Amino acid sequence: MYSIFGTIKTPNSNMIKVHQSRIILLLGLISFIMLSHARSDFEASIHTGVHLIDTTPSKSNQFLKNLKKGFNLSPFFIDNWTFLFHEDNRCDGSTDGQLHDLKKTAIDSTINLKVVNDGDGWACDKKEPRTYHMDFNLKKKITLWDRFEIHHFSNDNKKKVYLLGAGESDYIILHFNSDDLIFLFEYRSEDPG
């Protein structure tokens, strides 16, 4: 005699008698969920993936993974790399600094940087320009980031990768050489106001 019931084994090894039409429905639902999950993963990789022609995508992705996890970033840099810092603030104006000839290990520690602030913010009275030293620590900076996205804009150099971070304001620009190592690192913070 043909039975219209089937059995399903639960995680704790109990057997449940289920109507076969329900089993087919459950299998269909499970397949739909699995396909939807795979599709969303694929779409996410398109929106946050690396869109590069020359720079090795795996290198950029690995850099981002190391950045997010707080791992060392020095393997991605050449010795004698350059650091550019720019911050735009509605009251204080623009703050800029740069250092050249840094050892690759400098990215994993605090960098003491001489900066110049122009005091010309658009929302406050103009202040006197000033020069001072600031400490820059990338690992501390990214603790405030609410996203980690990689972008390459088609009108830019194919060896330039943008890492978008805190809202619409903070981002990093990585400049890769022909060996896919970073020779120029820019940290930029733009006041979105």
Protein backbone atom coordinates (compact mmCIF):
# COMPACT_ATOMS: atom_id res chain seq x y z
CA MET A 1 0.00 0.00 0.00
CA TYR A 2 1.29 3.45 -0.95
CA SER A 3 1.64 5.94 1.95
CA ILE A 4 1.07 9.66 1.51
CA PHE A 5 3.11 10.34 4.63
CA GLY A 6 6.87 10.63 4.94
CA THR A 7 9.17 11.07 7.88
CA ILE A 8 11.62 13.82 8.73
CA LYS A 9 14.45 13.31 11.19
CA THR A 10 14.93 16.28 13.58
CA PRO A 11 18.32 17.42 14.91
CA ASN A 12 17.71 15.53 18.16
CA SER A 13 16.98 12.32 16.16
CA ASN A 14 13.20 12.32 16.64
CA MET A 15 11.14 11.13 13.70
CA ILE A 16 8.16 13.24 12.63
CA LYS A 17 5.43 11.94 10.33
CA VAL A 18 4.69 14.57 7.67
CA HIS A 19 2.35 14.63 4.69
CA GLN A 20 4.43 14.28 1.48
CA SER A 21 3.06 17.51 0.01
CA ARG A 22 4.47 19.32 3.05
CA ILE A 23 7.88 17.69 2.50
CA ILE A 24 7.90 18.93 -1.10
CA LEU A 25 6.89 22.40 0.10
CA LEU A 26 9.67 22.39 2.74
CA LEU A 27 12.27 21.25 0.20
CA GLY A 28 11.15 23.99 -2.19
CA LEU A 29 11.36 26.60 0.58
CA ILE A 30 14.84 25.44 1.59
CA SER A 31 16.01 25.60 -2.05
CA PHE A 32 14.56 29.10 -2.43
CA ILE A 33 16.32 30.32 0.73
CA MET A 34 19.64 28.83 -0.36
CA LEU A 35 19.40 30.38 -3.84
CA SER A 36 18.35 33.77 -2.40
CA HIS A 37 21.30 33.72 -0.01
CA ALA A 38 23.73 32.85 -2.81
CA ARG A 39 22.26 35.61 -4.99
CA SER A 40 22.52 38.24 -2.23
CA ASP A 41 26.16 37.23 -1.59
CA PHE A 42 26.85 37.60 -5.32
CA GLU A 43 25.12 41.00 -5.47
CA ALA A 44 27.01 42.17 -2.38
CA SER A 45 30.28 41.22 -4.05
CA ILE A 46 29.30 43.31 -7.07
CA HIS A 47 28.45 46.40 -5.01
CA THR A 48 31.43 46.20 -2.66
CA GLY A 49 33.84 44.30 -4.89
CA VAL A 50 36.99 45.57 -6.46
CA HIS A 51 36.47 46.93 -9.96
CA LEU A 52 40.05 47.01 -11.11
CA ILE A 53 41.80 46.17 -14.30
CA ASP A 54 45.48 46.21 -13.41
CA THR A 55 45.68 45.95 -9.62
CA THR A 56 45.29 42.43 -8.31
CA PRO A 57 41.78 42.28 -6.83
CA SER A 58 42.85 39.66 -4.29
CA LYS A 59 45.54 42.07 -3.03
CA SER A 60 42.99 44.85 -2.46
CA ASN A 61 40.53 42.45 -0.85
CA GLN A 62 43.22 41.04 1.43
CA PHE A 63 44.27 44.56 2.43
CA LEU A 64 40.67 45.34 3.36
CA LYS A 65 40.33 42.11 5.36
CA ASN A 66 43.54 42.87 7.28
CA LEU A 67 42.37 46.44 7.89
CA LYS A 68 38.99 45.32 9.26
CA LYS A 69 40.53 42.66 11.50
CA GLY A 70 43.31 44.89 12.82
CA PHE A 71 46.05 42.75 11.27
CA ASN A 72 49.37 44.16 10.06
CA LEU A 73 49.25 46.05 6.78
CA SER A 74 53.00 46.41 6.22
CA PRO A 75 53.19 43.47 3.74
CA PHE A 76 51.15 45.57 1.29
CA PHE A 77 53.58 48.52 1.30
CA ILE A 78 56.95 49.28 -0.23
CA ASP A 79 59.73 50.73 1.86
CA ASN A 80 59.96 54.47 1.32
CA TRP A 81 56.21 54.99 0.86
CA THR A 82 54.47 58.36 1.19
CA PHE A 83 51.64 59.28 3.56
CA LEU A 84 49.25 62.14 2.75
CA PHE A 85 46.71 63.36 5.30
CA HIS A 86 43.85 65.74 4.57
CA GLU A 87 41.01 66.76 6.86
CA ASP A 88 38.33 69.29 6.03
CA ASN A 89 36.36 70.72 8.95
CA ARG A 90 33.53 73.24 8.70
CA CYS A 91 34.96 75.39 11.52
CA ASP A 92 38.69 74.73 11.48
CA GLY A 93 39.18 74.59 7.72
CA SER A 94 41.65 72.31 5.97
CA THR A 95 44.40 70.42 7.75
CA ASP A 96 47.10 68.88 5.56
CA GLY A 97 50.33 67.01 6.10
CA GLN A 98 52.62 64.55 4.39
CA LEU A 99 55.55 62.32 5.16
CA HIS A 100 57.91 60.71 2.67
CA ASP A 101 60.29 57.76 2.84
CA LEU A 102 58.40 55.83 5.51
CA LYS A 103 59.35 52.26 6.33
CA LYS A 104 56.63 49.76 5.45
CA THR A 105 56.12 48.96 9.15
CA ALA A 106 55.13 52.57 9.92
CA ILE A 107 51.55 51.91 8.78
CA ASP A 108 51.06 49.50 11.70
CA SER A 109 52.08 52.01 14.35
CA THR A 110 51.38 55.61 15.33
CA ILE A 111 52.76 58.12 12.85
CA ASN A 112 53.73 61.56 14.13
CA LEU A 113 52.88 64.02 11.40
CA LYS A 114 53.50 67.76 11.04
CA VAL A 115 50.31 69.37 9.71
CA VAL A 116 49.20 72.82 8.64
CA ASN A 117 45.70 74.07 9.36
CA ASP A 118 44.48 77.05 7.30
CA GLY A 119 41.81 78.12 9.85
CA ASP A 120 39.41 78.91 7.01
CA GLY A 121 36.29 76.89 7.73
CA TRP A 122 33.11 77.83 5.91
CA ALA A 123 30.81 77.74 8.96
CA CYS A 124 32.87 79.75 11.47
CA ASP A 125 34.92 82.92 11.64
CA LYS A 126 38.34 82.65 10.06
CA LYS A 127 41.16 81.76 12.44
CA GLU A 128 44.89 82.21 12.17
CA PRO A 129 46.65 79.43 10.27
CA ARG A 130 48.70 77.18 12.50
CA THR A 131 51.22 74.38 12.26
CA TYR A 132 51.37 71.55 14.78
CA HIS A 133 52.24 67.87 15.20
CA MET A 134 49.52 65.24 15.39
CA ASP A 135 49.58 61.51 15.97
CA PHE A 136 47.90 59.38 13.32
CA ASN A 137 47.01 55.78 14.12
CA LEU A 138 45.07 54.04 11.39
CA LYS A 139 43.79 51.26 13.66
CA LYS A 140 42.28 53.87 16.00
CA LYS A 141 40.84 55.89 13.11
CA ILE A 142 38.89 52.99 11.65
CA THR A 143 37.20 52.10 14.94
CA LEU A 144 34.64 54.76 14.02
CA TRP A 145 34.05 53.43 10.51
CA ASP A 146 30.55 52.13 9.87
CA ARG A 147 31.38 50.48 6.55
CA PHE A 148 34.31 49.07 4.62
CA GLU A 149 33.83 49.30 0.85
CA ILE A 150 36.30 49.10 -2.00
CA HIS A 151 35.76 51.20 -5.12
CA HIS A 152 37.67 52.01 -8.25
CA PHE A 153 36.39 54.91 -10.27
CA SER A 154 36.76 54.38 -14.00
CA ASN A 155 38.00 57.90 -14.72
CA ASP A 156 40.91 57.47 -12.31
CA ASN A 157 44.23 55.76 -12.63
CA LYS A 158 43.73 51.98 -12.75
CA LYS A 159 46.20 51.56 -9.89
CA LYS A 160 44.19 53.72 -7.48
CA VAL A 161 41.75 52.08 -5.04
CA TYR A 162 39.32 53.88 -2.75
CA LEU A 163 38.34 52.41 0.62
CA LEU A 164 35.19 54.12 1.86
CA GLY A 165 34.66 54.18 5.59
CA ALA A 166 32.95 56.43 8.12
CA GLY A 167 29.70 57.59 6.53
CA GLU A 168 30.38 59.87 3.61
CA SER A 169 33.36 61.55 5.23
CA ASP A 170 36.39 59.32 5.85
CA TYR A 171 38.12 57.34 3.15
CA ILE A 172 41.50 56.01 2.12
CA ILE A 173 43.10 56.14 -1.32
CA LEU A 174 45.66 53.43 -2.05
CA HIS A 175 48.10 53.97 -4.92
CA PHE A 176 49.67 50.72 -6.15
CA ASN A 177 52.89 50.37 -8.10
CA SER A 178 53.49 47.85 -10.90
CA ASP A 179 54.27 45.15 -8.28
CA ASP A 180 50.86 45.77 -6.64
CA LEU A 181 52.44 47.32 -3.55
CA ILE A 182 51.30 50.60 -2.03
CA PHE A 183 53.69 53.50 -2.60
CA LEU A 184 51.26 56.31 -1.71
CA PHE A 185 48.66 56.15 1.07
CA GLU A 186 46.11 58.94 1.50
CA TYR A 187 43.79 59.32 4.48
CA ARG A 188 41.07 61.88 3.82
CA SER A 189 38.27 63.15 6.03
CA GLU A 190 35.79 65.52 4.40
CA ASP A 191 33.20 67.34 6.49
CA PRO A 192 29.94 66.34 4.79
CA GLY A 193 28.04 69.34 6.25
